[in-house]
Amino acid sequence: MRTEALCQAQCDGKATKHLAISKKVATFGAETTIRQMTTLNLPPYDARLRGTREKPEIFDFLRRRYVALTPEEWVRQHFTHWLVEHKGYPQALMGNEMELRVGEKRLRCDSILYNKVLQPRMIMEYKAPTVAITQRVFDQIAAYNTLLHVDYLVLSNGLQHYCCRTDYEKGGYEFLPEVPDFGAL
């Protein structure tokens, strides 16, 4: 049983499918194929989808373009929408898939929140809902922080969300009970 409302619209001269995501399951695809994405522990939003059943795409409002719809991208889009729409984070101070370079080495942060003078303030790392948030995942984002020196680190697989504040004086991290509103940063 399909629980979402589907409509056709025009966007940038291309036919685009807008999907009002239900709280249970989001589906995308042709009549005979339904691609199901995992229900997340995040509020639903009106996702803009297009593409084929083999190569679905979702609109990334921060990058202002369509990107491949993967389980990790599903989490990224829901999480960034939640930060902007429910936590008051300014869209203009956020970026998705931000590349970092240190000498020959290149790293890519899933999302970064900048302050008003465009210095990184928060790093966000996403995993697919089927990927557990482990010490290895935390070590990955901590490695990024050795380059950026941000105040906050956030990890999410869409089901579990972890936020910690960097304590540079003690050389550690303080885990917070929830991701703070932007005004509380």
N, C-alpha and C. Protein backbone atom coordinates (compact mmCIF):
# COMPACT_ATOMS: atom_id res chain seq x y z
N MET A 1 0.83 -1.18 0.00
CA MET A 1 0.00 0.00 0.00
C MET A 1 0.88 1.25 0.00
N ARG A 2 0.66 2.16 -0.91
CA ARG A 2 1.45 3.39 -1.00
C ARG A 2 0.84 4.42 -0.07
N THR A 3 1.69 5.07 0.72
CA THR A 3 1.20 6.02 1.71
C THR A 3 1.64 7.45 1.44
N GLU A 4 2.14 7.73 0.23
CA GLU A 4 2.59 9.08 -0.07
C GLU A 4 1.76 9.68 -1.19
N ALA A 5 1.81 11.00 -1.30
CA ALA A 5 1.12 11.71 -2.37
C ALA A 5 2.14 12.04 -3.44
N LEU A 6 1.86 11.73 -4.68
CA LEU A 6 2.78 11.93 -5.78
C LEU A 6 2.17 12.91 -6.76
N CYS A 7 2.94 13.88 -7.22
CA CYS A 7 2.43 14.82 -8.20
C CYS A 7 3.53 15.15 -9.19
N GLN A 8 3.17 15.64 -10.34
CA GLN A 8 4.12 16.04 -11.37
C GLN A 8 4.29 17.55 -11.31
N ALA A 9 5.48 18.04 -11.55
CA ALA A 9 5.76 19.47 -11.59
C ALA A 9 6.88 19.72 -12.58
N GLN A 10 7.07 20.97 -12.93
CA GLN A 10 8.18 21.35 -13.80
C GLN A 10 9.24 22.05 -12.96
N CYS A 11 10.48 21.66 -13.12
CA CYS A 11 11.59 22.28 -12.41
C CYS A 11 12.75 22.37 -13.38
N ASP A 12 13.25 23.57 -13.62
CA ASP A 12 14.35 23.79 -14.55
C ASP A 12 14.06 23.19 -15.91
N GLY A 13 12.80 23.23 -16.34
CA GLY A 13 12.43 22.73 -17.65
C GLY A 13 12.36 21.23 -17.76
N LYS A 14 12.59 20.50 -16.66
CA LYS A 14 12.57 19.04 -16.69
C LYS A 14 11.42 18.54 -15.82
N ALA A 15 10.81 17.46 -16.24
CA ALA A 15 9.75 16.87 -15.42
C ALA A 15 10.38 16.36 -14.13
N THR A 16 9.79 16.71 -13.02
CA THR A 16 10.31 16.34 -11.72
C THR A 16 9.19 15.74 -10.89
N LYS A 17 9.49 14.71 -10.13
CA LYS A 17 8.51 14.13 -9.23
C LYS A 17 8.74 14.68 -7.84
N HIS A 18 7.69 15.23 -7.25
CA HIS A 18 7.74 15.69 -5.87
C HIS A 18 7.03 14.64 -5.04
N LEU A 19 7.64 14.26 -3.94
CA LEU A 19 7.11 13.20 -3.13
C LEU A 19 6.90 13.72 -1.72
N ALA A 20 5.66 13.70 -1.27
CA ALA A 20 5.39 14.05 0.12
C ALA A 20 5.66 12.80 0.93
N ILE A 21 6.74 12.79 1.68
CA ILE A 21 7.21 11.59 2.36
C ILE A 21 6.30 11.27 3.54
N SER A 22 5.89 10.03 3.63
CA SER A 22 5.09 9.61 4.77
C SER A 22 6.02 9.31 5.93
N LYS A 23 5.47 9.16 7.11
CA LYS A 23 6.29 8.84 8.27
C LYS A 23 6.69 7.37 8.26
N LYS A 24 6.04 6.56 7.47
CA LYS A 24 6.33 5.13 7.45
C LYS A 24 7.39 4.77 6.40
N VAL A 25 7.06 4.93 5.13
CA VAL A 25 7.94 4.48 4.05
C VAL A 25 7.85 5.45 2.90
N ALA A 26 8.98 5.74 2.27
CA ALA A 26 8.99 6.53 1.04
C ALA A 26 9.28 5.58 -0.10
N THR A 27 8.57 5.72 -1.20
CA THR A 27 8.80 4.86 -2.35
C THR A 27 9.08 5.71 -3.56
N PHE A 28 9.85 5.15 -4.50
CA PHE A 28 10.17 5.85 -5.72
C PHE A 28 10.39 4.79 -6.79
N GLY A 29 9.87 5.03 -7.97
CA GLY A 29 10.14 4.10 -9.04
C GLY A 29 8.97 4.01 -9.99
N ALA A 30 9.13 3.17 -10.98
CA ALA A 30 8.10 2.98 -11.99
C ALA A 30 6.99 2.09 -11.42
N GLU A 31 5.98 1.86 -12.25
CA GLU A 31 4.81 1.10 -11.79
C GLU A 31 5.16 -0.28 -11.25
N THR A 32 6.12 -0.95 -11.86
CA THR A 32 6.42 -2.31 -11.45
C THR A 32 7.55 -2.41 -10.43
N THR A 33 8.31 -1.33 -10.25
CA THR A 33 9.44 -1.36 -9.31
C THR A 33 9.28 -0.28 -8.29
N ILE A 34 9.36 -0.64 -7.03
CA ILE A 34 9.26 0.34 -5.95
C ILE A 34 10.56 0.28 -5.16
N ARG A 35 11.20 1.42 -5.05
CA ARG A 35 12.43 1.50 -4.26
C ARG A 35 12.03 2.02 -2.89
N GLN A 36 12.27 1.24 -1.87
CA GLN A 36 11.90 1.67 -0.52
C GLN A 36 13.12 2.19 0.21
N MET A 37 12.93 3.30 0.86
CA MET A 37 13.97 3.88 1.71
C MET A 37 13.53 3.68 3.15
N THR A 38 14.50 3.50 4.04
CA THR A 38 14.24 3.23 5.44
C THR A 38 13.55 4.42 6.11
N THR A 39 12.62 4.11 6.99
CA THR A 39 12.01 5.13 7.83
C THR A 39 13.09 5.65 8.77
N LEU A 40 13.22 6.96 8.85
CA LEU A 40 14.28 7.56 9.67
C LEU A 40 13.71 8.16 10.95
N ASN A 41 14.59 8.37 11.90
CA ASN A 41 14.24 9.02 13.15
C ASN A 41 14.45 10.54 12.97
N LEU A 42 13.85 11.07 11.93
CA LEU A 42 13.90 12.49 11.58
C LEU A 42 12.55 12.87 11.00
N PRO A 43 12.16 14.13 11.09
CA PRO A 43 10.87 14.53 10.53
C PRO A 43 10.84 14.36 9.01
N PRO A 44 9.70 14.01 8.45
CA PRO A 44 9.59 13.92 7.00
C PRO A 44 9.62 15.32 6.37
N TYR A 45 9.95 15.37 5.11
CA TYR A 45 9.90 16.63 4.37
C TYR A 45 9.50 16.31 2.93
N ASP A 46 9.20 17.33 2.16
CA ASP A 46 8.75 17.17 0.79
C ASP A 46 9.96 17.00 -0.13
N ALA A 47 10.41 15.78 -0.29
CA ALA A 47 11.60 15.48 -1.11
C ALA A 47 11.27 15.62 -2.59
N ARG A 48 12.18 16.23 -3.33
CA ARG A 48 12.04 16.36 -4.78
C ARG A 48 12.89 15.27 -5.43
N LEU A 49 12.23 14.36 -6.12
CA LEU A 49 12.89 13.22 -6.75
C LEU A 49 12.69 13.25 -8.25
N ARG A 50 13.65 12.68 -8.95
CA ARG A 50 13.52 12.49 -10.39
C ARG A 50 14.43 11.34 -10.78
N GLY A 51 14.48 11.06 -12.08
CA GLY A 51 15.35 10.00 -12.57
C GLY A 51 14.56 8.78 -12.94
N THR A 52 15.26 7.68 -13.07
CA THR A 52 14.64 6.41 -13.44
C THR A 52 14.66 5.48 -12.23
N ARG A 53 14.00 4.36 -12.35
CA ARG A 53 14.01 3.41 -11.23
C ARG A 53 15.41 2.86 -11.00
N GLU A 54 16.23 2.80 -12.06
CA GLU A 54 17.60 2.32 -11.90
C GLU A 54 18.52 3.39 -11.34
N LYS A 55 18.24 4.65 -11.65
CA LYS A 55 19.10 5.76 -11.22
C LYS A 55 18.25 6.92 -10.67
N PRO A 56 17.63 6.72 -9.51
CA PRO A 56 16.84 7.81 -8.93
C PRO A 56 17.76 8.91 -8.40
N GLU A 57 17.24 10.11 -8.41
CA GLU A 57 17.98 11.27 -7.90
C GLU A 57 17.10 12.04 -6.93
N ILE A 58 17.75 12.73 -6.00
CA ILE A 58 17.07 13.56 -5.02
C ILE A 58 17.68 14.95 -5.08
N PHE A 59 16.86 15.98 -4.89
CA PHE A 59 17.36 17.35 -4.95
C PHE A 59 18.05 17.71 -3.65
N ASP A 60 19.30 18.16 -3.75
CA ASP A 60 20.06 18.63 -2.60
C ASP A 60 19.92 20.15 -2.56
N PHE A 61 19.18 20.66 -1.59
CA PHE A 61 18.90 22.08 -1.52
C PHE A 61 20.12 22.91 -1.15
N LEU A 62 21.16 22.31 -0.56
CA LEU A 62 22.37 23.05 -0.25
C LEU A 62 23.28 23.16 -1.47
N ARG A 63 23.39 22.09 -2.25
CA ARG A 63 24.21 22.13 -3.47
C ARG A 63 23.42 22.67 -4.66
N ARG A 64 22.11 22.79 -4.50
CA ARG A 64 21.19 23.30 -5.53
C ARG A 64 21.26 22.48 -6.82
N ARG A 65 21.28 21.16 -6.65
CA ARG A 65 21.27 20.27 -7.81
C ARG A 65 20.80 18.88 -7.38
N TYR A 66 20.45 18.09 -8.38
CA TYR A 66 20.05 16.71 -8.12
C TYR A 66 21.30 15.85 -7.97
N VAL A 67 21.22 14.90 -7.04
CA VAL A 67 22.32 13.96 -6.78
C VAL A 67 21.75 12.56 -6.71
N ALA A 68 22.60 11.57 -6.86
CA ALA A 68 22.16 10.17 -6.80
C ALA A 68 21.51 9.88 -5.45
N LEU A 69 20.36 9.21 -5.50
CA LEU A 69 19.65 8.84 -4.27
C LEU A 69 20.21 7.52 -3.77
N THR A 70 21.00 7.60 -2.72
CA THR A 70 21.55 6.43 -2.04
C THR A 70 21.01 6.45 -0.61
N PRO A 71 21.13 5.36 0.13
CA PRO A 71 20.69 5.39 1.53
C PRO A 71 21.39 6.47 2.35
N GLU A 72 22.68 6.69 2.13
CA GLU A 72 23.40 7.74 2.86
C GLU A 72 22.89 9.12 2.46
N GLU A 73 22.61 9.32 1.18
CA GLU A 73 22.08 10.61 0.72
C GLU A 73 20.70 10.87 1.29
N TRP A 74 19.90 9.81 1.43
CA TRP A 74 18.58 9.90 2.05
C TRP A 74 18.72 10.47 3.46
N VAL A 75 19.71 9.96 4.21
CA VAL A 75 19.96 10.45 5.57
C VAL A 75 20.44 11.90 5.52
N ARG A 76 21.40 12.20 4.65
CA ARG A 76 21.95 13.56 4.56
C ARG A 76 20.86 14.59 4.29
N GLN A 77 19.98 14.31 3.33
CA GLN A 77 18.94 15.27 2.98
C GLN A 77 17.95 15.46 4.13
N HIS A 78 17.56 14.38 4.77
CA HIS A 78 16.65 14.52 5.91
C HIS A 78 17.31 15.28 7.07
N PHE A 79 18.56 14.97 7.33
CA PHE A 79 19.24 15.60 8.45
C PHE A 79 19.45 17.09 8.21
N THR A 80 19.89 17.48 7.02
CA THR A 80 20.12 18.90 6.75
C THR A 80 18.80 19.67 6.72
N HIS A 81 17.74 19.06 6.20
CA HIS A 81 16.43 19.71 6.26
C HIS A 81 15.99 19.91 7.71
N TRP A 82 16.21 18.92 8.55
CA TRP A 82 15.86 19.00 9.97
C TRP A 82 16.64 20.14 10.65
N LEU A 83 17.93 20.24 10.36
CA LEU A 83 18.72 21.31 10.97
C LEU A 83 18.20 22.68 10.56
N VAL A 84 17.88 22.86 9.29
CA VAL A 84 17.42 24.16 8.80
C VAL A 84 15.99 24.45 9.26
N GLU A 85 15.09 23.49 9.07
CA GLU A 85 13.67 23.73 9.32
C GLU A 85 13.26 23.63 10.79
N HIS A 86 13.97 22.83 11.57
CA HIS A 86 13.55 22.61 12.96
C HIS A 86 14.55 23.11 14.01
N LYS A 87 15.81 23.26 13.63
CA LYS A 87 16.83 23.67 14.59
C LYS A 87 17.36 25.08 14.31
N GLY A 88 16.88 25.73 13.26
CA GLY A 88 17.23 27.12 12.99
C GLY A 88 18.60 27.35 12.37
N TYR A 89 19.20 26.32 11.79
CA TYR A 89 20.52 26.48 11.17
C TYR A 89 20.36 27.24 9.84
N PRO A 90 21.18 28.28 9.61
CA PRO A 90 21.07 29.03 8.36
C PRO A 90 21.59 28.21 7.17
N GLN A 91 20.76 28.05 6.18
CA GLN A 91 21.12 27.31 4.98
C GLN A 91 22.37 27.90 4.34
N ALA A 92 22.51 29.22 4.37
CA ALA A 92 23.64 29.89 3.72
C ALA A 92 24.98 29.57 4.39
N LEU A 93 24.95 29.06 5.63
CA LEU A 93 26.19 28.75 6.34
C LEU A 93 26.50 27.25 6.33
N MET A 94 25.79 26.49 5.51
CA MET A 94 26.00 25.04 5.46
C MET A 94 26.46 24.61 4.08
N GLY A 95 27.21 23.51 4.04
CA GLY A 95 27.64 22.95 2.77
C GLY A 95 27.67 21.43 2.85
N ASN A 96 27.29 20.76 1.77
CA ASN A 96 27.33 19.30 1.67
C ASN A 96 28.49 18.87 0.78
N GLU A 97 29.08 17.72 1.14
CA GLU A 97 30.16 17.12 0.36
C GLU A 97 31.30 18.11 0.15
N MET A 98 31.82 18.62 1.25
CA MET A 98 32.88 19.61 1.20
C MET A 98 34.24 18.92 1.20
N GLU A 99 35.08 19.25 0.23
CA GLU A 99 36.39 18.63 0.10
C GLU A 99 37.44 19.38 0.92
N LEU A 100 38.26 18.60 1.60
CA LEU A 100 39.38 19.14 2.36
C LEU A 100 40.67 18.63 1.74
N ARG A 101 41.66 19.48 1.66
CA ARG A 101 42.96 19.07 1.11
C ARG A 101 44.06 19.36 2.12
N VAL A 102 44.90 18.37 2.33
CA VAL A 102 46.07 18.53 3.16
C VAL A 102 47.22 17.90 2.38
N GLY A 103 48.05 18.74 1.80
CA GLY A 103 49.10 18.24 0.92
C GLY A 103 48.48 17.48 -0.23
N GLU A 104 48.87 16.24 -0.40
CA GLU A 104 48.35 15.38 -1.46
C GLU A 104 47.05 14.68 -1.06
N LYS A 105 46.77 14.67 0.23
CA LYS A 105 45.61 13.95 0.74
C LYS A 105 44.33 14.76 0.58
N ARG A 106 43.26 14.09 0.14
CA ARG A 106 41.95 14.73 -0.01
C ARG A 106 40.93 13.98 0.83
N LEU A 107 40.19 14.74 1.60
CA LEU A 107 39.10 14.18 2.41
C LEU A 107 37.82 14.88 2.02
N ARG A 108 36.70 14.22 2.26
CA ARG A 108 35.42 14.83 1.94
C ARG A 108 34.50 14.73 3.15
N CYS A 109 34.13 15.90 3.68
CA CYS A 109 33.18 15.95 4.80
C CYS A 109 31.76 15.89 4.24
N ASP A 110 30.90 15.12 4.88
CA ASP A 110 29.52 15.03 4.42
C ASP A 110 28.82 16.37 4.48
N SER A 111 28.91 17.06 5.61
CA SER A 111 28.33 18.40 5.75
C SER A 111 29.20 19.20 6.71
N ILE A 112 29.22 20.51 6.48
CA ILE A 112 29.94 21.43 7.36
C ILE A 112 29.03 22.63 7.64
N LEU A 113 29.01 23.06 8.89
CA LEU A 113 28.37 24.32 9.27
C LEU A 113 29.49 25.32 9.51
N TYR A 114 29.36 26.50 8.89
CA TYR A 114 30.35 27.56 9.04
C TYR A 114 29.80 28.65 9.96
N ASN A 115 30.70 29.45 10.53
CA ASN A 115 30.25 30.61 11.27
C ASN A 115 30.10 31.78 10.29
N LYS A 116 29.80 32.96 10.80
CA LYS A 116 29.51 34.10 9.92
C LYS A 116 30.72 34.61 9.15
N VAL A 117 31.93 34.24 9.59
CA VAL A 117 33.13 34.62 8.84
C VAL A 117 33.68 33.43 8.06
N LEU A 118 32.81 32.44 7.86
CA LEU A 118 33.07 31.25 7.04
C LEU A 118 34.21 30.37 7.53
N GLN A 119 34.33 30.28 8.85
CA GLN A 119 35.24 29.31 9.46
C GLN A 119 34.40 28.10 9.87
N PRO A 120 34.87 26.88 9.64
CA PRO A 120 34.10 25.69 10.01
C PRO A 120 33.79 25.68 11.51
N ARG A 121 32.53 25.37 11.83
CA ARG A 121 32.08 25.34 13.23
C ARG A 121 31.62 23.94 13.64
N MET A 122 31.07 23.17 12.68
CA MET A 122 30.53 21.85 12.97
C MET A 122 30.77 20.95 11.76
N ILE A 123 31.18 19.71 12.02
CA ILE A 123 31.31 18.70 10.96
C ILE A 123 30.23 17.66 11.19
N MET A 124 29.56 17.25 10.11
CA MET A 124 28.54 16.22 10.19
C MET A 124 28.94 15.05 9.29
N GLU A 125 28.83 13.85 9.81
CA GLU A 125 29.15 12.63 9.06
C GLU A 125 27.91 11.75 9.07
N TYR A 126 27.53 11.27 7.89
CA TYR A 126 26.34 10.43 7.76
C TYR A 126 26.72 9.05 7.27
N LYS A 127 25.94 8.10 7.69
CA LYS A 127 26.04 6.72 7.22
C LYS A 127 24.65 6.26 6.83
N ALA A 128 24.60 5.22 6.05
CA ALA A 128 23.31 4.61 5.69
C ALA A 128 22.67 4.06 6.95
N PRO A 129 21.33 3.95 6.98
CA PRO A 129 20.66 3.42 8.17
C PRO A 129 21.11 2.01 8.57
N THR A 130 21.62 1.26 7.64
CA THR A 130 22.06 -0.10 7.94
C THR A 130 23.47 -0.14 8.52
N VAL A 131 24.16 1.00 8.56
CA VAL A 131 25.53 1.07 9.08
C VAL A 131 25.50 1.57 10.51
N ALA A 132 26.06 0.80 11.40
CA ALA A 132 26.09 1.18 12.81
C ALA A 132 27.09 2.31 13.04
N ILE A 133 26.77 3.17 13.99
CA ILE A 133 27.70 4.22 14.39
C ILE A 133 28.65 3.60 15.41
N THR A 134 29.89 3.39 14.99
CA THR A 134 30.89 2.71 15.81
C THR A 134 32.06 3.64 16.12
N GLN A 135 33.01 3.13 16.87
CA GLN A 135 34.22 3.89 17.17
C GLN A 135 34.96 4.25 15.88
N ARG A 136 34.95 3.35 14.93
CA ARG A 136 35.62 3.60 13.64
C ARG A 136 35.01 4.81 12.93
N VAL A 137 33.68 4.92 12.97
CA VAL A 137 33.00 6.06 12.36
C VAL A 137 33.37 7.33 13.11
N PHE A 138 33.39 7.26 14.43
CA PHE A 138 33.79 8.43 15.22
C PHE A 138 35.24 8.82 14.91
N ASP A 139 36.11 7.84 14.77
CA ASP A 139 37.52 8.13 14.45
C ASP A 139 37.64 8.84 13.11
N GLN A 140 36.77 8.51 12.17
CA GLN A 140 36.78 9.15 10.85
C GLN A 140 36.50 10.64 10.98
N ILE A 141 35.45 10.99 11.72
CA ILE A 141 35.11 12.40 11.86
C ILE A 141 36.13 13.12 12.74
N ALA A 142 36.70 12.42 13.71
CA ALA A 142 37.74 13.03 14.56
C ALA A 142 38.99 13.35 13.73
N ALA A 143 39.30 12.51 12.74
CA ALA A 143 40.43 12.77 11.85
C ALA A 143 40.19 14.04 11.04
N TYR A 144 38.97 14.22 10.56
CA TYR A 144 38.64 15.46 9.86
C TYR A 144 38.84 16.66 10.77
N ASN A 145 38.51 16.48 12.03
CA ASN A 145 38.61 17.59 12.96
C ASN A 145 40.06 17.98 13.26
N THR A 146 41.00 17.07 13.07
CA THR A 146 42.40 17.46 13.25
C THR A 146 42.79 18.51 12.22
N LEU A 147 42.08 18.55 11.10
CA LEU A 147 42.34 19.55 10.07
C LEU A 147 41.53 20.82 10.28
N LEU A 148 40.28 20.68 10.74
CA LEU A 148 39.36 21.82 10.80
C LEU A 148 39.27 22.50 12.16
N HIS A 149 39.49 21.76 13.24
CA HIS A 149 39.40 22.31 14.61
C HIS A 149 38.05 22.97 14.87
N VAL A 150 36.97 22.20 14.68
CA VAL A 150 35.62 22.72 14.89
C VAL A 150 35.19 22.52 16.34
N ASP A 151 34.09 23.18 16.69
CA ASP A 151 33.56 23.08 18.05
C ASP A 151 32.67 21.86 18.25
N TYR A 152 32.00 21.39 17.17
CA TYR A 152 31.03 20.31 17.30
C TYR A 152 31.23 19.25 16.22
N LEU A 153 31.02 17.99 16.61
CA LEU A 153 31.02 16.86 15.69
C LEU A 153 29.66 16.17 15.80
N VAL A 154 29.07 15.84 14.64
CA VAL A 154 27.77 15.18 14.62
C VAL A 154 27.86 13.93 13.75
N LEU A 155 27.31 12.84 14.25
CA LEU A 155 27.24 11.57 13.51
C LEU A 155 25.79 11.14 13.45
N SER A 156 25.36 10.64 12.29
CA SER A 156 23.98 10.13 12.18
C SER A 156 23.90 9.07 11.10
N ASN A 157 23.11 8.04 11.38
CA ASN A 157 22.73 7.08 10.34
C ASN A 157 21.23 7.20 10.07
N GLY A 158 20.65 8.30 10.50
CA GLY A 158 19.23 8.54 10.31
C GLY A 158 18.37 7.93 11.40
N LEU A 159 18.90 6.96 12.10
CA LEU A 159 18.19 6.30 13.20
C LEU A 159 18.73 6.75 14.55
N GLN A 160 20.05 6.90 14.61
CA GLN A 160 20.73 7.36 15.81
C GLN A 160 21.53 8.60 15.45
N HIS A 161 21.53 9.58 16.36
CA HIS A 161 22.26 10.83 16.14
C HIS A 161 23.13 11.08 17.37
N TYR A 162 24.38 11.42 17.13
CA TYR A 162 25.30 11.73 18.21
C TYR A 162 25.91 13.09 17.94
N CYS A 163 26.01 13.88 19.00
CA CYS A 163 26.63 15.20 18.88
C CYS A 163 27.58 15.36 20.06
N CYS A 164 28.77 15.84 19.77
CA CYS A 164 29.70 16.12 20.85
C CYS A 164 30.36 17.47 20.63
N ARG A 165 30.73 18.08 21.73
CA ARG A 165 31.43 19.36 21.72
C ARG A 165 32.90 19.05 21.96
N THR A 166 33.76 19.68 21.20
CA THR A 166 35.19 19.48 21.35
C THR A 166 35.69 20.28 22.53
N ASP A 167 36.40 19.61 23.42
CA ASP A 167 37.00 20.27 24.58
C ASP A 167 38.51 20.30 24.33
N TYR A 168 38.99 21.40 23.78
CA TYR A 168 40.40 21.51 23.42
C TYR A 168 41.30 21.63 24.65
N GLU A 169 40.78 22.17 25.75
CA GLU A 169 41.59 22.29 26.97
C GLU A 169 41.91 20.92 27.56
N LYS A 170 40.92 20.03 27.60
CA LYS A 170 41.12 18.70 28.16
C LYS A 170 41.54 17.67 27.12
N GLY A 171 41.47 18.06 25.85
CA GLY A 171 41.87 17.14 24.78
C GLY A 171 40.87 16.02 24.58
N GLY A 172 39.60 16.31 24.67
CA GLY A 172 38.59 15.26 24.51
C GLY A 172 37.30 15.82 23.95
N TYR A 173 36.22 15.05 24.15
CA TYR A 173 34.91 15.40 23.62
C TYR A 173 33.87 15.24 24.71
N GLU A 174 32.89 16.13 24.72
CA GLU A 174 31.76 16.04 25.63
C GLU A 174 30.53 15.70 24.79
N PHE A 175 29.96 14.51 25.02
CA PHE A 175 28.77 14.12 24.26
C PHE A 175 27.56 14.85 24.82
N LEU A 176 26.77 15.42 23.93
CA LEU A 176 25.59 16.19 24.30
C LEU A 176 24.34 15.32 24.20
N PRO A 177 23.30 15.61 24.96
CA PRO A 177 22.09 14.79 24.91
C PRO A 177 21.35 14.91 23.58
N GLU A 178 21.56 16.02 22.85
CA GLU A 178 20.91 16.21 21.56
C GLU A 178 21.69 17.23 20.74
N VAL A 179 21.39 17.31 19.48
CA VAL A 179 21.99 18.31 18.62
C VAL A 179 21.38 19.66 19.03
N PRO A 180 22.23 20.62 19.39
CA PRO A 180 21.70 21.91 19.85
C PRO A 180 21.06 22.73 18.74
N ASP A 181 20.11 23.57 19.12
CA ASP A 181 19.57 24.56 18.19
C ASP A 181 20.71 25.49 17.79
N PHE A 182 20.59 26.10 16.62
CA PHE A 182 21.65 26.99 16.15
C PHE A 182 21.91 28.13 17.15
N GLY A 183 20.87 28.68 17.72
CA GLY A 183 21.03 29.78 18.67
C GLY A 183 21.78 29.41 19.93
N ALA A 184 21.88 28.12 20.25
CA ALA A 184 22.57 27.67 21.45
C ALA A 184 24.03 27.32 21.20
N LEU A 185 24.47 27.39 19.95
CA LEU A 185 25.87 27.03 19.66
C LEU A 185 26.83 28.06 20.21
